[in-house]
Structures are given as C-alpha cells and as structure tokens.
Amino acid sequence: MAATLQRIERLSSRVVRVLGCNPGPMTLQGTNTYLIGTGPRRILIDTGEPAIPEYITCLKQALNEFNTEIQEIIVTHWHLDHTGGIRDICKNIKNDTTYCIKKLPRNPQREEIIGDGEQQYVYLKDGDVVKTEGATLRVIHTPGHTDDHMALLLEEENALFSGDCILGEGTTVFEDLYDYMNSLKKLLTIRADIIYPGHGPVIHDAEAKIQEYISHRNIREQQILTILRDDFEKSFTVMELVKIIYKNIPDSLHKMAERNLLLHLKKLEKEGMIFSNTDPDTKWKAHL
C-alpha cells in the first residue's frame, strides 16, 4: 500500500496536489487534482467527483494558502471522478470572470453538457500549449483509457500529468487496448523525468513505470497467442481463455477478467494476428 497522501501538498515550486476526498477501489486514495503555476492565477487540472464538500473546502484552503485564484480548468478526460466537481467549483469558488473549462473532444464527436448546460467546454487539440505564470503545459492526446484522454507535459519540469493513462499504483482500465498501447509508446518517447498521476502517489522514475505498463500488457498478449497457436485447430471463446489464463483467480473475478481479455483479443485481431467467427458464440483462432 502506498503512503497516505496529504489532502493538500506542495509537490514542487509550481505544482500543488489537492486530493479529491473520494477514496474507492477505482480512485485509490482519491482523484488527484493539481494547481499549476507560481502566480496569483493558476491552472487547475481535474476536479474530482460531484457533491464532495470536503474537496471544495480543501481546494479553497489551498487557494488561500498559496494566495492564488483559478485561471482556468483543464480536465484530462470525461469520467465523472475528473469532471464531476466542475459545477461545485463554479458555484462555490467565486471568480472575477466565468471559468474557462478545457478538454479534448470526444471521438467520434458528441455533445457534452456541463451540469444544466450553463457552461460549455472549450476544446483543445493535440499539441496545444496552455500557459500561466511559471508554467507551460503541452497537450498530448493519449486515447485508450477513454477516447478523449489527454496527458499534459509541464515543460519547466519535464513532468507528465498522466490522468488515468498511468496510475501511481496498480494498473488502469481501458476502452481500447490498441490505442492505449500506442499512447504508452508515445509517452515513452517524451522521456519525462517524473509523472503526476490522476490517482496515487507521484512516480519518480517515469520511464521505468511506462515500460512496466507496456511489459505487463505484452506478457498477457503472449499468453493468449501461445494458447491459440499451440492448439491452432481449435477456436476458443473468451471465457474458455479466461479459465486457462486466470486459473488461479476466484471465479467471482472472471467477469472482470473476461472484459480485459476481450480488449486484448480485439487488439490482436486489429493487428491481424488472430481472427474471430460466430458459431453461435464468438470464438477466436490464430492466423497461421
């Protein structure tokens, strides 16, 4: 278990972490939200969940402590534990002007509503730069966890805000493994020194952590290919593969493992390594 995270912690001269006060199995000790910059107006990355008054109290305390206001809000992706606090911040933390809230668009594009529609997202694109006093953030589109996921490179520290692409402990879930693996490889090429994740503690050896994530998925992929190639005349359902690969985990976890394995199979099919047929259940077989 990672060390207990403080609710408000100055991580560097230009990064303050404010914990979202929403601990849980998927959020670990809570969503990490970050105030970025050194001046009287700073960028807030992510906003935690809706209706968490302790978070609003902590955020107000952090703003007072560092004598600053929110310049704008950037959310790393659409999930509610990252966008959910927007309305509460707008309502409870007064600002001179209407808050500008930025994110990447969904892909395929769809309408996104903040609360009752009283505010609109301002959409960023890959490569955009957002600046504040003491900090320059570069947007990196990293789909896979979600289609709109972004990481942000803090250029002054060569540090990555990884959202849910990489976590401070454990591994993350994803919607599309093909995209997710490409995103990990993209982040590896940046050669960042440090990662400020969406959940969990700071990662001080960025390259090693990204390699660990890539290796973890590659090992699972090799297990699947070995089974399909060793018995190449047979087709397997996802659950048949789950019972072989995850034979040491309790049956109660097989459903979650099935979802995970299906995403691996879809990636391998996209790459032309395997194919599926329906007779009547979907079954998978190796390409020779």
C-alpha atoms as a PDB file:
ATOM      1  CA  MET A   1       0.000   0.000   0.000  1.00  0.00           C
ATOM      2  CA  ALA A   2       1.307   3.441  -0.914  1.00  0.00           C
ATOM      3  CA  ALA A   3       1.986   6.028   1.773  1.00  0.00           C
ATOM      4  CA  THR A   4      -1.029   8.078   2.841  1.00  0.00           C
ATOM      5  CA  LEU A   5      -1.380  11.160   0.661  1.00  0.00           C
ATOM      6  CA  GLN A   6      -1.910  14.522   2.322  1.00  0.00           C
ATOM      7  CA  ARG A   7      -5.073  16.361   1.319  1.00  0.00           C
ATOM      8  CA  ILE A   8      -3.030  19.404   0.257  1.00  0.00           C
ATOM      9  CA  GLU A   9       0.631  19.010  -0.659  1.00  0.00           C
ATOM     10  CA  ARG A  10       3.129  21.208  -2.449  1.00  0.00           C
ATOM     11  CA  LEU A  11       4.982  18.790  -4.731  1.00  0.00           C
ATOM     12  CA  SER A  12       7.286  21.320  -6.375  1.00  0.00           C
ATOM     13  CA  SER A  13       7.665  25.090  -6.747  1.00  0.00           C
ATOM     14  CA  ARG A  14       4.863  25.081  -9.362  1.00  0.00           C
ATOM     15  CA  VAL A  15       2.722  22.001  -8.523  1.00  0.00           C
ATOM     16  CA  VAL A  16       0.262  21.673  -5.618  1.00  0.00           C
ATOM     17  CA  ARG A  17      -1.814  18.485  -5.291  1.00  0.00           C
ATOM     18  CA  VAL A  18      -5.310  18.740  -3.785  1.00  0.00           C
ATOM     19  CA  LEU A  19      -6.820  15.322  -3.096  1.00  0.00           C
ATOM     20  CA  GLY A  20     -10.397  14.839  -4.333  1.00  0.00           C
ATOM     21  CA  CYS A  21     -11.558  13.319  -0.973  1.00  0.00           C
ATOM     22  CA  ASN A  22     -13.247  10.460  -2.902  1.00  0.00           C
ATOM     23  CA  PRO A  23     -11.381   7.259  -1.971  1.00  0.00           C
ATOM     24  CA  GLY A  24     -12.557   3.972  -3.502  1.00  0.00           C
ATOM     25  CA  PRO A  25     -11.458   0.777  -5.307  1.00  0.00           C
ATOM     26  CA  MET A  26     -11.158   2.602  -8.664  1.00  0.00           C
ATOM     27  CA  THR A  27      -9.986   6.005  -7.363  1.00  0.00           C
ATOM     28  CA  LEU A  28      -7.435   4.668  -4.807  1.00  0.00           C
ATOM     29  CA  GLN A  29      -6.988   7.406  -2.143  1.00  0.00           C
ATOM     30  CA  GLY A  30      -9.000   9.773  -4.340  1.00  0.00           C
ATOM     31  CA  THR A  31      -8.667  11.758  -7.552  1.00  0.00           C
ATOM     32  CA  ASN A  32      -5.528  13.887  -7.662  1.00  0.00           C
ATOM     33  CA  THR A  33      -6.318  17.442  -8.740  1.00  0.00           C
ATOM     34  CA  TYR A  34      -3.451  19.841  -9.312  1.00  0.00           C
ATOM     35  CA  LEU A  35      -2.915  23.608  -9.113  1.00  0.00           C
ATOM     36  CA  ILE A  36      -0.207  24.561 -11.612  1.00  0.00           C
ATOM     37  CA  GLY A  37       1.886  27.749 -11.733  1.00  0.00           C
ATOM     38  CA  THR A  38       3.599  30.211  -9.436  1.00  0.00           C
ATOM     39  CA  GLY A  39       1.484  33.342  -9.798  1.00  0.00           C
ATOM     40  CA  PRO A  40      -1.777  34.848  -8.477  1.00  0.00           C
ATOM     41  CA  ARG A  41      -3.807  32.839 -11.049  1.00  0.00           C
ATOM     42  CA  ARG A  42      -3.116  29.147 -11.660  1.00  0.00           C
ATOM     43  CA  ILE A  43      -4.400  26.289 -13.818  1.00  0.00           C
ATOM     44  CA  LEU A  44      -6.459  23.561 -12.122  1.00  0.00           C
ATOM     45  CA  ILE A  45      -6.099  20.075 -13.638  1.00  0.00           C
ATOM     46  CA  ASP A  46      -9.148  17.853 -12.926  1.00  0.00           C
ATOM     47  CA  THR A  47     -11.928  18.496 -10.430  1.00  0.00           C
ATOM     48  CA  GLY A  48     -12.839  15.265  -8.593  1.00  0.00           C
ATOM     49  CA  GLU A  49     -16.411  13.989  -8.189  1.00  0.00           C
ATOM     50  CA  PRO A  50     -19.695  15.891  -7.721  1.00  0.00           C
ATOM     51  CA  ALA A  51     -21.086  16.716  -4.276  1.00  0.00           C
ATOM     52  CA  ILE A  52     -17.896  16.274  -2.216  1.00  0.00           C
ATOM     53  CA  PRO A  53     -17.956  19.317   0.105  1.00  0.00           C
ATOM     54  CA  GLU A  54     -14.653  18.279   1.770  1.00  0.00           C
ATOM     55  CA  TYR A  55     -12.909  18.669  -1.594  1.00  0.00           C
ATOM     56  CA  ILE A  56     -14.281  22.183  -2.130  1.00  0.00           C
ATOM     57  CA  THR A  57     -13.116  23.072   1.399  1.00  0.00           C
ATOM     58  CA  CYS A  58      -9.618  21.682   0.662  1.00  0.00           C
ATOM     59  CA  LEU A  59      -9.417  23.488  -2.688  1.00  0.00           C
ATOM     60  CA  LYS A  60     -10.450  26.803  -1.062  1.00  0.00           C
ATOM     61  CA  GLN A  61      -7.841  26.219   1.652  1.00  0.00           C
ATOM     62  CA  ALA A  62      -5.128  25.547  -0.964  1.00  0.00           C
ATOM     63  CA  LEU A  63      -6.057  28.692  -2.915  1.00  0.00           C
ATOM     64  CA  ASN A  64      -5.870  30.771   0.285  1.00  0.00           C
ATOM     65  CA  GLU A  65      -2.651  29.128   1.458  1.00  0.00           C
ATOM     66  CA  PHE A  66      -0.862  29.875  -1.824  1.00  0.00           C
ATOM     67  CA  ASN A  67      -2.605  33.238  -2.280  1.00  0.00           C
ATOM     68  CA  THR A  68      -3.932  32.383  -5.726  1.00  0.00           C
ATOM     69  CA  GLU A  69      -7.094  32.012  -7.822  1.00  0.00           C
ATOM     70  CA  ILE A  70      -8.084  29.624 -10.613  1.00  0.00           C
ATOM     71  CA  GLN A  71      -7.124  30.929 -14.072  1.00  0.00           C
ATOM     72  CA  GLU A  72      -8.855  28.055 -15.906  1.00  0.00           C
ATOM     73  CA  ILE A  73      -9.723  24.373 -15.533  1.00  0.00           C
ATOM     74  CA  ILE A  74      -8.387  21.537 -17.706  1.00  0.00           C
ATOM     75  CA  VAL A  75      -9.924  18.057 -17.395  1.00  0.00           C
ATOM     76  CA  THR A  76      -7.905  15.056 -18.602  1.00  0.00           C
ATOM     77  CA  HIS A  77     -10.994  13.078 -19.738  1.00  0.00           C
ATOM     78  CA  TRP A  78     -14.764  12.830 -19.393  1.00  0.00           C
ATOM     79  CA  HIS A  79     -15.033  10.377 -16.455  1.00  0.00           C
ATOM     80  CA  LEU A  80     -17.085  11.732 -13.559  1.00  0.00           C
ATOM     81  CA  ASP A  81     -14.270  11.441 -10.998  1.00  0.00           C
ATOM     82  CA  HIS A  82     -12.368  14.024 -13.093  1.00  0.00           C
ATOM     83  CA  THR A  83     -15.153  16.307 -14.394  1.00  0.00           C
ATOM     84  CA  GLY A  84     -17.717  15.922 -11.604  1.00  0.00           C
ATOM     85  CA  GLY A  85     -16.508  18.766  -9.408  1.00  0.00           C
ATOM     86  CA  ILE A  86     -16.758  21.457 -12.111  1.00  0.00           C
ATOM     87  CA  ARG A  87     -20.227  22.694 -11.115  1.00  0.00           C
ATOM     88  CA  ASP A  88     -19.414  22.772  -7.396  1.00  0.00           C
ATOM     89  CA  ILE A  89     -16.217  24.758  -8.051  1.00  0.00           C
ATOM     90  CA  CYS A  90     -18.075  27.252 -10.281  1.00  0.00           C
ATOM     91  CA  LYS A  91     -20.831  27.641  -7.677  1.00  0.00           C
ATOM     92  CA  ASN A  92     -18.742  27.792  -4.500  1.00  0.00           C
ATOM     93  CA  ILE A  93     -15.433  29.368  -5.501  1.00  0.00           C
ATOM     94  CA  LYS A  94     -16.043  32.845  -6.830  1.00  0.00           C
ATOM     95  CA  ASN A  95     -14.040  34.139  -9.786  1.00  0.00           C
ATOM     96  CA  ASP A  96     -13.797  37.565 -11.490  1.00  0.00           C
ATOM     97  CA  THR A  97     -14.915  36.029 -14.792  1.00  0.00           C
ATOM     98  CA  THR A  98     -16.743  32.871 -15.884  1.00  0.00           C
ATOM     99  CA  TYR A  99     -14.488  29.854 -15.557  1.00  0.00           C
ATOM    100  CA  CYS A 100     -12.981  28.610 -18.825  1.00  0.00           C
ATOM    101  CA  ILE A 101     -13.100  24.792 -18.826  1.00  0.00           C
ATOM    102  CA  LYS A 102     -10.980  22.944 -21.375  1.00  0.00           C
ATOM    103  CA  LYS A 103     -10.696  19.355 -22.587  1.00  0.00           C
ATOM    104  CA  LEU A 104     -10.210  17.300 -25.728  1.00  0.00           C
ATOM    105  CA  PRO A 105     -13.367  16.485 -27.740  1.00  0.00           C
ATOM    106  CA  ARG A 106     -14.886  13.003 -27.703  1.00  0.00           C
ATOM    107  CA  ASN A 107     -14.092  10.779 -30.683  1.00  0.00           C
ATOM    108  CA  PRO A 108     -16.421  10.344 -32.505  1.00  0.00           C
ATOM    109  CA  GLN A 109     -17.510  13.874 -31.601  1.00  0.00           C
ATOM    110  CA  ARG A 110     -20.653  14.217 -29.468  1.00  0.00           C
ATOM    111  CA  GLU A 111     -22.325  16.940 -27.477  1.00  0.00           C
ATOM    112  CA  GLU A 112     -21.049  17.289 -23.920  1.00  0.00           C
ATOM    113  CA  ILE A 113     -23.039  19.167 -21.310  1.00  0.00           C
ATOM    114  CA  ILE A 114     -21.658  20.591 -18.073  1.00  0.00           C
ATOM    115  CA  GLY A 115     -24.366  20.364 -15.416  1.00  0.00           C
ATOM    116  CA  ASP A 116     -27.542  22.005 -16.737  1.00  0.00           C
ATOM    117  CA  GLY A 117     -25.740  23.361 -19.780  1.00  0.00           C
ATOM    118  CA  GLU A 118     -24.917  26.701 -18.184  1.00  0.00           C
ATOM    119  CA  GLN A 119     -21.304  26.321 -19.343  1.00  0.00           C
ATOM    120  CA  GLN A 120     -19.607  24.918 -22.447  1.00  0.00           C
ATOM    121  CA  TYR A 121     -16.276  23.180 -22.840  1.00  0.00           C
ATOM    122  CA  VAL A 122     -13.573  24.931 -24.822  1.00  0.00           C
ATOM    123  CA  TYR A 123     -11.984  22.161 -26.870  1.00  0.00           C
ATOM    124  CA  LEU A 124      -8.236  21.721 -27.117  1.00  0.00           C
ATOM    125  CA  LYS A 125      -6.297  19.665 -29.659  1.00  0.00           C
ATOM    126  CA  ASP A 126      -3.139  17.564 -29.560  1.00  0.00           C
ATOM    127  CA  GLY A 127      -0.056  19.792 -29.339  1.00  0.00           C
ATOM    128  CA  ASP A 128      -1.855  22.866 -27.934  1.00  0.00           C
ATOM    129  CA  VAL A 129       0.008  24.838 -25.280  1.00  0.00           C
ATOM    130  CA  VAL A 130      -1.653  26.370 -22.206  1.00  0.00           C
ATOM    131  CA  LYS A 131       0.380  28.887 -20.186  1.00  0.00           C
ATOM    132  CA  THR A 132       0.213  30.536 -16.813  1.00  0.00           C
ATOM    133  CA  GLU A 133       2.820  32.376 -14.755  1.00  0.00           C
ATOM    134  CA  GLY A 134       5.671  29.920 -14.103  1.00  0.00           C
ATOM    135  CA  ALA A 135       4.208  27.008 -16.090  1.00  0.00           C
ATOM    136  CA  THR A 136       3.792  25.829 -19.684  1.00  0.00           C
ATOM    137  CA  LEU A 137       1.557  22.810 -20.326  1.00  0.00           C
ATOM    138  CA  ARG A 138       1.580  20.932 -23.639  1.00  0.00           C
ATOM    139  CA  VAL A 139      -1.447  18.780 -24.549  1.00  0.00           C
ATOM    140  CA  ILE A 140      -0.756  15.173 -25.572  1.00  0.00           C
ATOM    141  CA  HIS A 141      -3.721  13.141 -26.896  1.00  0.00           C
ATOM    142  CA  THR A 142      -3.457   9.707 -25.237  1.00  0.00           C
ATOM    143  CA  PRO A 143      -6.601   7.719 -26.153  1.00  0.00           C
ATOM    144  CA  GLY A 144      -7.206   4.222 -24.836  1.00  0.00           C
ATOM    145  CA  HIS A 145      -8.449   4.712 -21.279  1.00  0.00           C
ATOM    146  CA  THR A 146     -11.103   6.892 -22.949  1.00  0.00           C
ATOM    147  CA  ASP A 147     -11.327   8.282 -26.497  1.00  0.00           C
ATOM    148  CA  ASP A 148     -10.789  11.872 -25.268  1.00  0.00           C
ATOM    149  CA  HIS A 149      -7.961  11.220 -22.816  1.00  0.00           C
ATOM    150  CA  MET A 150      -5.074  13.667 -22.586  1.00  0.00           C
ATOM    151  CA  ALA A 151      -1.791  13.829 -20.736  1.00  0.00           C
ATOM    152  CA  LEU A 152      -0.083  17.169 -20.152  1.00  0.00           C
ATOM    153  CA  LEU A 153       3.647  17.857 -20.247  1.00  0.00           C
ATOM    154  CA  LEU A 154       4.821  20.503 -17.789  1.00  0.00           C
ATOM    155  CA  GLU A 155       7.767  21.772 -19.815  1.00  0.00           C
ATOM    156  CA  GLU A 156       9.582  23.559 -16.966  1.00  0.00           C
ATOM    157  CA  GLU A 157       9.902  20.272 -15.019  1.00  0.00           C
ATOM    158  CA  ASN A 158       9.827  17.742 -17.895  1.00  0.00           C
ATOM    159  CA  ALA A 159       6.948  16.228 -15.909  1.00  0.00           C
ATOM    160  CA  LEU A 160       3.838  14.423 -17.157  1.00  0.00           C
ATOM    161  CA  PHE A 161       0.339  14.770 -15.760  1.00  0.00           C
ATOM    162  CA  SER A 162      -0.832  11.326 -16.857  1.00  0.00           C
ATOM    163  CA  GLY A 163      -4.532  11.393 -15.892  1.00  0.00           C
ATOM    164  CA  ASP A 164      -5.713   7.778 -15.798  1.00  0.00           C
ATOM    165  CA  CYS A 165      -3.314   6.584 -18.514  1.00  0.00           C
ATOM    166  CA  ILE A 166      -0.768   5.736 -15.797  1.00  0.00           C
ATOM    167  CA  LEU A 167      -1.566   5.442 -12.083  1.00  0.00           C
ATOM    168  CA  GLY A 168       0.655   5.886  -9.032  1.00  0.00           C
ATOM    169  CA  GLU A 169      -0.032   2.291  -8.016  1.00  0.00           C
ATOM    170  CA  GLY A 170      -1.521  -0.734  -9.783  1.00  0.00           C
ATOM    171  CA  THR A 171      -2.658  -0.759 -13.405  1.00  0.00           C
ATOM    172  CA  THR A 172      -5.510   1.075 -15.105  1.00  0.00           C
ATOM    173  CA  VAL A 173      -8.556   0.015 -17.120  1.00  0.00           C
ATOM    174  CA  PHE A 174      -9.029   0.969 -20.773  1.00  0.00           C
ATOM    175  CA  GLU A 175     -11.660   1.055 -23.522  1.00  0.00           C
ATOM    176  CA  ASP A 176      -9.359   0.284 -26.454  1.00  0.00           C
ATOM    177  CA  LEU A 177      -6.096  -1.576 -25.880  1.00  0.00           C
ATOM    178  CA  TYR A 178      -4.708  -0.898 -29.367  1.00  0.00           C
ATOM    179  CA  ASP A 179      -4.996   2.872 -28.778  1.00  0.00           C
ATOM    180  CA  TYR A 180      -3.843   2.540 -25.168  1.00  0.00           C
ATOM    181  CA  MET A 181      -0.611   0.729 -26.088  1.00  0.00           C
ATOM    182  CA  ASN A 182       0.128   3.343 -28.761  1.00  0.00           C
ATOM    183  CA  SER A 183      -0.435   6.070 -26.149  1.00  0.00           C
ATOM    184  CA  LEU A 184       2.015   4.410 -23.733  1.00  0.00           C
ATOM    185  CA  LYS A 185       4.622   4.189 -26.513  1.00  0.00           C
ATOM    186  CA  LYS A 186       4.002   7.861 -27.348  1.00  0.00           C
ATOM    187  CA  LEU A 187       4.556   8.862 -23.692  1.00  0.00           C
ATOM    188  CA  LEU A 188       7.751   6.791 -23.573  1.00  0.00           C
ATOM    189  CA  THR A 189       9.255   8.852 -26.425  1.00  0.00           C
ATOM    190  CA  ILE A 190       8.788  12.060 -24.388  1.00  0.00           C
ATOM    191  CA  ARG A 191      11.376  10.817 -21.854  1.00  0.00           C
ATOM    192  CA  ALA A 192       9.759  12.656 -18.937  1.00  0.00           C
ATOM    193  CA  ASP A 193      11.534  12.619 -15.574  1.00  0.00           C
ATOM    194  CA  ILE A 194       8.503  12.457 -13.302  1.00  0.00           C
ATOM    195  CA  ILE A 195       4.796  11.562 -13.519  1.00  0.00           C
ATOM    196  CA  TYR A 196       1.998  13.252 -11.586  1.00  0.00           C
ATOM    197  CA  PRO A 197      -0.793  10.652 -11.960  1.00  0.00           C
ATOM    198  CA  GLY A 198      -4.588  11.015 -11.797  1.00  0.00           C
ATOM    199  CA  HIS A 199      -4.644   8.686  -8.764  1.00  0.00           C
ATOM    200  CA  GLY A 200      -1.949   7.534  -6.345  1.00  0.00           C
ATOM    201  CA  PRO A 201       1.491   8.875  -5.413  1.00  0.00           C
ATOM    202  CA  VAL A 202       3.999  10.712  -7.623  1.00  0.00           C
ATOM    203  CA  ILE A 203       6.084   8.431  -9.882  1.00  0.00           C
ATOM    204  CA  HIS A 204       9.754   9.418  -9.760  1.00  0.00           C
ATOM    205  CA  ASP A 205      11.079   7.078 -12.463  1.00  0.00           C
ATOM    206  CA  ALA A 206       8.718   7.844 -15.341  1.00  0.00           C
ATOM    207  CA  GLU A 207      10.426   5.704 -17.975  1.00  0.00           C
ATOM    208  CA  ALA A 208      10.560   2.583 -15.774  1.00  0.00           C
ATOM    209  CA  LYS A 209       6.853   2.897 -14.897  1.00  0.00           C
ATOM    210  CA  ILE A 210       5.764   3.279 -18.546  1.00  0.00           C
ATOM    211  CA  GLN A 211       7.941   0.283 -19.522  1.00  0.00           C
ATOM    212  CA  GLU A 212       6.369  -1.723 -16.688  1.00  0.00           C
ATOM    213  CA  TYR A 213       2.874  -0.940 -18.033  1.00  0.00           C
ATOM    214  CA  ILE A 214       3.880  -1.936 -21.581  1.00  0.00           C
ATOM    215  CA  SER A 215       5.545  -5.172 -20.388  1.00  0.00           C
ATOM    216  CA  HIS A 216       2.511  -6.138 -18.286  1.00  0.00           C
ATOM    217  CA  ARG A 217       0.246  -5.982 -21.349  1.00  0.00           C
ATOM    218  CA  ASN A 218       2.785  -7.699 -23.632  1.00  0.00           C
ATOM    219  CA  ILE A 219       3.073 -10.667 -21.238  1.00  0.00           C
ATOM    220  CA  ARG A 220      -0.712 -11.117 -21.240  1.00  0.00           C
ATOM    221  CA  GLU A 221      -0.757 -10.876 -25.050  1.00  0.00           C
ATOM    222  CA  GLN A 222       1.918 -13.574 -25.372  1.00  0.00           C
ATOM    223  CA  GLN A 223      -0.085 -15.888 -23.099  1.00  0.00           C
ATOM    224  CA  ILE A 224      -3.107 -15.548 -25.416  1.00  0.00           C
ATOM    225  CA  LEU A 225      -1.072 -16.115 -28.592  1.00  0.00           C
ATOM    226  CA  THR A 226       0.695 -19.159 -27.102  1.00  0.00           C
ATOM    227  CA  ILE A 227      -2.632 -20.825 -26.251  1.00  0.00           C
ATOM    228  CA  LEU A 228      -4.148 -20.097 -29.682  1.00  0.00           C
ATOM    229  CA  ARG A 229      -1.031 -21.168 -31.606  1.00  0.00           C
ATOM    230  CA  ASP A 230      -0.370 -24.317 -29.568  1.00  0.00           C
ATOM    231  CA  ASP A 231      -3.906 -25.516 -30.316  1.00  0.00           C
ATOM    232  CA  PHE A 232      -4.289 -23.783 -33.695  1.00  0.00           C
ATOM    233  CA  GLU A 233      -7.047 -26.072 -34.992  1.00  0.00           C
ATOM    234  CA  LYS A 234      -9.340 -25.107 -32.107  1.00  0.00           C
ATOM    235  CA  SER A 235     -11.396 -21.907 -31.634  1.00  0.00           C
ATOM    236  CA  PHE A 236     -11.798 -20.523 -28.106  1.00  0.00           C
ATOM    237  CA  THR A 237     -14.499 -18.382 -26.512  1.00  0.00           C
ATOM    238  CA  VAL A 238     -13.290 -15.545 -24.276  1.00  0.00           C
ATOM    239  CA  MET A 239     -14.427 -17.400 -21.147  1.00  0.00           C
ATOM    240  CA  GLU A 240     -12.530 -20.547 -22.176  1.00  0.00           C
ATOM    241  CA  LEU A 241      -9.393 -18.434 -22.425  1.00  0.00           C
ATOM    242  CA  VAL A 242     -10.142 -16.736 -19.089  1.00  0.00           C
ATOM    243  CA  LYS A 243     -10.342 -20.136 -17.343  1.00  0.00           C
ATOM    244  CA  ILE A 244      -6.919 -21.092 -18.712  1.00  0.00           C
ATOM    245  CA  ILE A 245      -5.076 -17.781 -18.240  1.00  0.00           C
ATOM    246  CA  TYR A 246      -6.689 -16.746 -14.940  1.00  0.00           C
ATOM    247  CA  LYS A 247      -6.971 -20.242 -13.473  1.00  0.00           C
ATOM    248  CA  ASN A 248      -5.565 -19.049 -10.133  1.00  0.00           C
ATOM    249  CA  ILE A 249      -8.054 -16.228  -9.540  1.00  0.00           C
ATOM    250  CA  PRO A 250     -11.502 -16.749  -7.936  1.00  0.00           C
ATOM    251  CA  ASP A 251     -14.471 -17.348 -10.255  1.00  0.00           C
ATOM    252  CA  SER A 252     -16.062 -14.161  -8.895  1.00  0.00           C
ATOM    253  CA  LEU A 253     -13.387 -12.137 -10.731  1.00  0.00           C
ATOM    254  CA  HIS A 254     -13.783 -13.940 -14.058  1.00  0.00           C
ATOM    255  CA  LYS A 255     -16.295 -11.402 -15.437  1.00  0.00           C
ATOM    256  CA  MET A 256     -13.833  -8.517 -14.995  1.00  0.00           C
ATOM    257  CA  ALA A 257     -11.045 -10.697 -16.457  1.00  0.00           C
ATOM    258  CA  GLU A 258     -13.291 -11.520 -19.431  1.00  0.00           C
ATOM    259  CA  ARG A 259     -13.732  -7.820 -20.278  1.00  0.00           C
ATOM    260  CA  ASN A 260      -9.991  -7.284 -20.015  1.00  0.00           C
ATOM    261  CA  LEU A 261      -9.156 -10.294 -22.191  1.00  0.00           C
ATOM    262  CA  LEU A 262     -11.714  -9.301 -24.831  1.00  0.00           C
ATOM    263  CA  LEU A 263      -9.898  -5.975 -25.283  1.00  0.00           C
ATOM    264  CA  HIS A 264      -6.632  -7.883 -25.793  1.00  0.00           C
ATOM    265  CA  LEU A 265      -8.326 -10.110 -28.397  1.00  0.00           C
ATOM    266  CA  LYS A 266      -9.733  -7.100 -30.270  1.00  0.00           C
ATOM    267  CA  LYS A 267      -6.265  -5.520 -30.395  1.00  0.00           C
ATOM    268  CA  LEU A 268      -4.699  -8.743 -31.730  1.00  0.00           C
ATOM    269  CA  GLU A 269      -7.475  -9.001 -34.330  1.00  0.00           C
ATOM    270  CA  LYS A 270      -6.828  -5.365 -35.395  1.00  0.00           C
ATOM    271  CA  GLU A 271      -3.172  -6.304 -35.891  1.00  0.00           C
ATOM    272  CA  GLY A 272      -4.073  -9.364 -37.991  1.00  0.00           C
ATOM    273  CA  MET A 273      -2.622 -11.897 -35.509  1.00  0.00           C
ATOM    274  CA  ILE A 274      -5.944 -13.654 -34.795  1.00  0.00           C
ATOM    275  CA  PHE A 275      -9.491 -13.743 -36.176  1.00  0.00           C
ATOM    276  CA  SER A 276     -12.964 -14.411 -34.812  1.00  0.00           C
ATOM    277  CA  ASN A 277     -16.011 -16.257 -36.039  1.00  0.00           C
ATOM    278  CA  THR A 278     -19.518 -16.665 -34.637  1.00  0.00           C
ATOM    279  CA  ASP A 279     -20.880 -20.199 -34.401  1.00  0.00           C
ATOM    280  CA  PRO A 280     -23.140 -19.189 -32.490  1.00  0.00           C
ATOM    281  CA  ASP A 281     -20.771 -17.765 -29.825  1.00  0.00           C
ATOM    282  CA  THR A 282     -17.839 -15.582 -30.842  1.00  0.00           C
ATOM    283  CA  LYS A 283     -14.720 -17.730 -30.899  1.00  0.00           C
ATOM    284  CA  TRP A 284     -11.114 -16.787 -31.565  1.00  0.00           C
ATOM    285  CA  LYS A 285      -8.422 -18.540 -33.544  1.00  0.00           C
ATOM    286  CA  ALA A 286      -4.804 -17.794 -34.505  1.00  0.00           C
ATOM    287  CA  HIS A 287      -3.803 -16.809 -38.030  1.00  0.00           C
ATOM    288  CA  LEU A 288      -1.147 -19.250 -39.192  1.00  0.00           C
END
